C-alpha atoms as a PDB file:
ATOM      1  CA  UNK A   1      -8.199  16.546 -10.874  1.00  0.00           C
ATOM      2  CA  UNK A   2      -9.381  20.059  -9.619  1.00  0.00           C
ATOM      3  CA  UNK A   3     -12.808  20.343  -7.668  1.00  0.00           C
ATOM      4  CA  UNK A   4     -14.663  23.558  -7.487  1.00  0.00           C
ATOM      5  CA  UNK A   5     -12.467  25.317  -9.501  1.00  0.00           C
ATOM      6  CA  UNK A   6      -9.615  24.566  -6.810  1.00  0.00           C
ATOM      7  CA  UNK A   7      -6.711  22.625  -7.871  1.00  0.00           C
ATOM      8  CA  UNK A   8      -5.224  19.193  -7.027  1.00  0.00           C
ATOM      9  CA  UNK A   9      -3.079  19.403  -4.109  1.00  0.00           C
ATOM     10  CA  UNK A  10      -0.512  17.454  -6.508  1.00  0.00           C
ATOM     11  CA  UNK A  11      -1.188  20.302  -8.954  1.00  0.00           C
ATOM     12  CA  UNK A  12      -0.602  22.965  -6.555  1.00  0.00           C
ATOM     13  CA  UNK A  13       2.483  21.696  -5.676  1.00  0.00           C
ATOM     14  CA  UNK A  14       4.002  21.058  -9.321  1.00  0.00           C
ATOM     15  CA  UNK A  15       3.486  25.154  -9.623  1.00  0.00           C
ATOM     16  CA  UNK A  16       4.789  26.023  -6.282  1.00  0.00           C
ATOM     17  CA  UNK A  17       8.035  23.540  -6.566  1.00  0.00           C
ATOM     18  CA  UNK A  18       8.680  24.699 -10.264  1.00  0.00           C
ATOM     19  CA  UNK A  19       8.208  20.679 -11.342  1.00  0.00           C
ATOM     20  CA  UNK A  20       7.009  22.052 -14.774  1.00  0.00           C
ATOM     21  CA  UNK A  21       8.756  23.701 -17.724  1.00  0.00           C
ATOM     22  CA  UNK A  22       7.511  23.500 -21.148  1.00  0.00           C
ATOM     23  CA  UNK A  23       4.200  21.384 -19.928  1.00  0.00           C
ATOM     24  CA  UNK A  24       4.592  18.616 -22.138  1.00  0.00           C
ATOM     25  CA  UNK A  25       4.987  15.831 -19.594  1.00  0.00           C
ATOM     26  CA  UNK A  26       3.140  17.521 -16.855  1.00  0.00           C
ATOM     27  CA  UNK A  27      -0.014  16.059 -17.091  1.00  0.00           C
ATOM     28  CA  UNK A  28       1.470  12.490 -17.435  1.00  0.00           C
ATOM     29  CA  UNK A  29       4.084  13.668 -14.488  1.00  0.00           C
ATOM     30  CA  UNK A  30       0.662  14.719 -11.885  1.00  0.00           C
ATOM     31  CA  UNK A  31      -1.453  11.743 -13.218  1.00  0.00           C
ATOM     32  CA  UNK A  32       1.459   9.307 -12.253  1.00  0.00           C
ATOM     33  CA  UNK A  33       2.127  10.996  -9.055  1.00  0.00           C
ATOM     34  CA  UNK A  34      -1.048  10.750  -7.576  1.00  0.00           C
ATOM     35  CA  UNK A  35      -1.582   7.194  -8.727  1.00  0.00           C
ATOM     36  CA  UNK A  36       1.632   6.677  -6.726  1.00  0.00           C
ATOM     37  CA  UNK A  37       0.328   8.200  -3.734  1.00  0.00           C
ATOM     38  CA  UNK A  38      -2.810   6.416  -4.294  1.00  0.00           C
ATOM     39  CA  UNK A  39      -1.119   3.142  -4.204  1.00  0.00           C
ATOM     40  CA  UNK A  40       0.176   4.022  -0.367  1.00  0.00           C
ATOM     41  CA  UNK A  41       3.497   3.023   1.190  1.00  0.00           C
ATOM     42  CA  UNK A  42       6.415   5.041   2.034  1.00  0.00           C
ATOM     43  CA  UNK A  43       7.696   7.579  -0.721  1.00  0.00           C
ATOM     44  CA  UNK A  44      11.345   8.652  -0.989  1.00  0.00           C
ATOM     45  CA  UNK A  45      12.929  10.216  -3.793  1.00  0.00           C
ATOM     46  CA  UNK A  46      14.179   6.972  -5.237  1.00  0.00           C
ATOM     47  CA  UNK A  47      11.067   5.566  -5.401  1.00  0.00           C
ATOM     48  CA  UNK A  48       9.104   8.540  -6.585  1.00  0.00           C
ATOM     49  CA  UNK A  49      11.742   8.414  -9.536  1.00  0.00           C
ATOM     50  CA  UNK A  50      11.032   5.006 -10.230  1.00  0.00           C
ATOM     51  CA  UNK A  51       7.421   5.749 -10.122  1.00  0.00           C
ATOM     52  CA  UNK A  52       7.631   8.161 -12.662  1.00  0.00           C
ATOM     53  CA  UNK A  53      10.001   6.410 -14.828  1.00  0.00           C
ATOM     54  CA  UNK A  54       7.592   5.934 -17.735  1.00  0.00           C
ATOM     55  CA  UNK A  55       7.310   9.586 -18.474  1.00  0.00           C
ATOM     56  CA  UNK A  56      10.227  11.588 -19.932  1.00  0.00           C
ATOM     57  CA  UNK A  57      10.588  15.013 -19.386  1.00  0.00           C
ATOM     58  CA  UNK A  58      13.628  16.944 -21.548  1.00  0.00           C
ATOM     59  CA  UNK A  59      13.626  19.891 -19.549  1.00  0.00           C
ATOM     60  CA  UNK A  60      14.656  19.196 -16.267  1.00  0.00           C
ATOM     61  CA  UNK A  61      16.799  17.372 -14.289  1.00  0.00           C
ATOM     62  CA  UNK A  62      13.503  16.081 -12.314  1.00  0.00           C
ATOM     63  CA  UNK A  63      14.730  17.534  -8.980  1.00  0.00           C
ATOM     64  CA  UNK A  64      11.671  19.987  -9.027  1.00  0.00           C
ATOM     65  CA  UNK A  65       9.468  17.576 -10.006  1.00  0.00           C
ATOM     66  CA  UNK A  66      10.335  14.849  -7.242  1.00  0.00           C
ATOM     67  CA  UNK A  67      10.507  17.738  -4.995  1.00  0.00           C
ATOM     68  CA  UNK A  68       6.800  18.734  -6.274  1.00  0.00           C
ATOM     69  CA  UNK A  69       5.604  15.008  -5.805  1.00  0.00           C
ATOM     70  CA  UNK A  70       6.892  14.806  -2.397  1.00  0.00           C
ATOM     71  CA  UNK A  71       5.506  18.030  -1.560  1.00  0.00           C
ATOM     72  CA  UNK A  72       1.933  16.934  -3.204  1.00  0.00           C
ATOM     73  CA  UNK A  73       1.744  13.536  -1.640  1.00  0.00           C
ATOM     74  CA  UNK A  74       2.380  15.001   2.343  1.00  0.00           C
ATOM     75  CA  UNK A  75      -0.677  17.298   1.336  1.00  0.00           C
ATOM     76  CA  UNK A  76      -2.553  14.357   0.011  1.00  0.00           C
ATOM     77  CA  UNK A  77      -1.496  12.168   3.273  1.00  0.00           C
ATOM     78  CA  UNK A  78      -2.425  14.611   5.513  1.00  0.00           C
ATOM     79  CA  UNK A  79      -5.957  15.482   3.743  1.00  0.00           C
ATOM     80  CA  UNK A  80      -6.703  11.614   3.623  1.00  0.00           C
ATOM     81  CA  UNK A  81      -5.916  11.058   7.586  1.00  0.00           C
END
């Protein structure tokens, strides 16, 4: 996802919101999150949780992951408009 050595907004959001722990689920979470945003539609915390339901994280309670997706989505949507 990174371009010209610059992290993608979703990658930055996961880092800034502490949406990663051991890192095992992080690639799948980030790719699923980007796909979820690219599909369009309004994102709520519930929609994010449903969109990521195929990825299992054993380290967190998903709060930081959901916060990261919401932040990354906002930046992605802002950049696309």
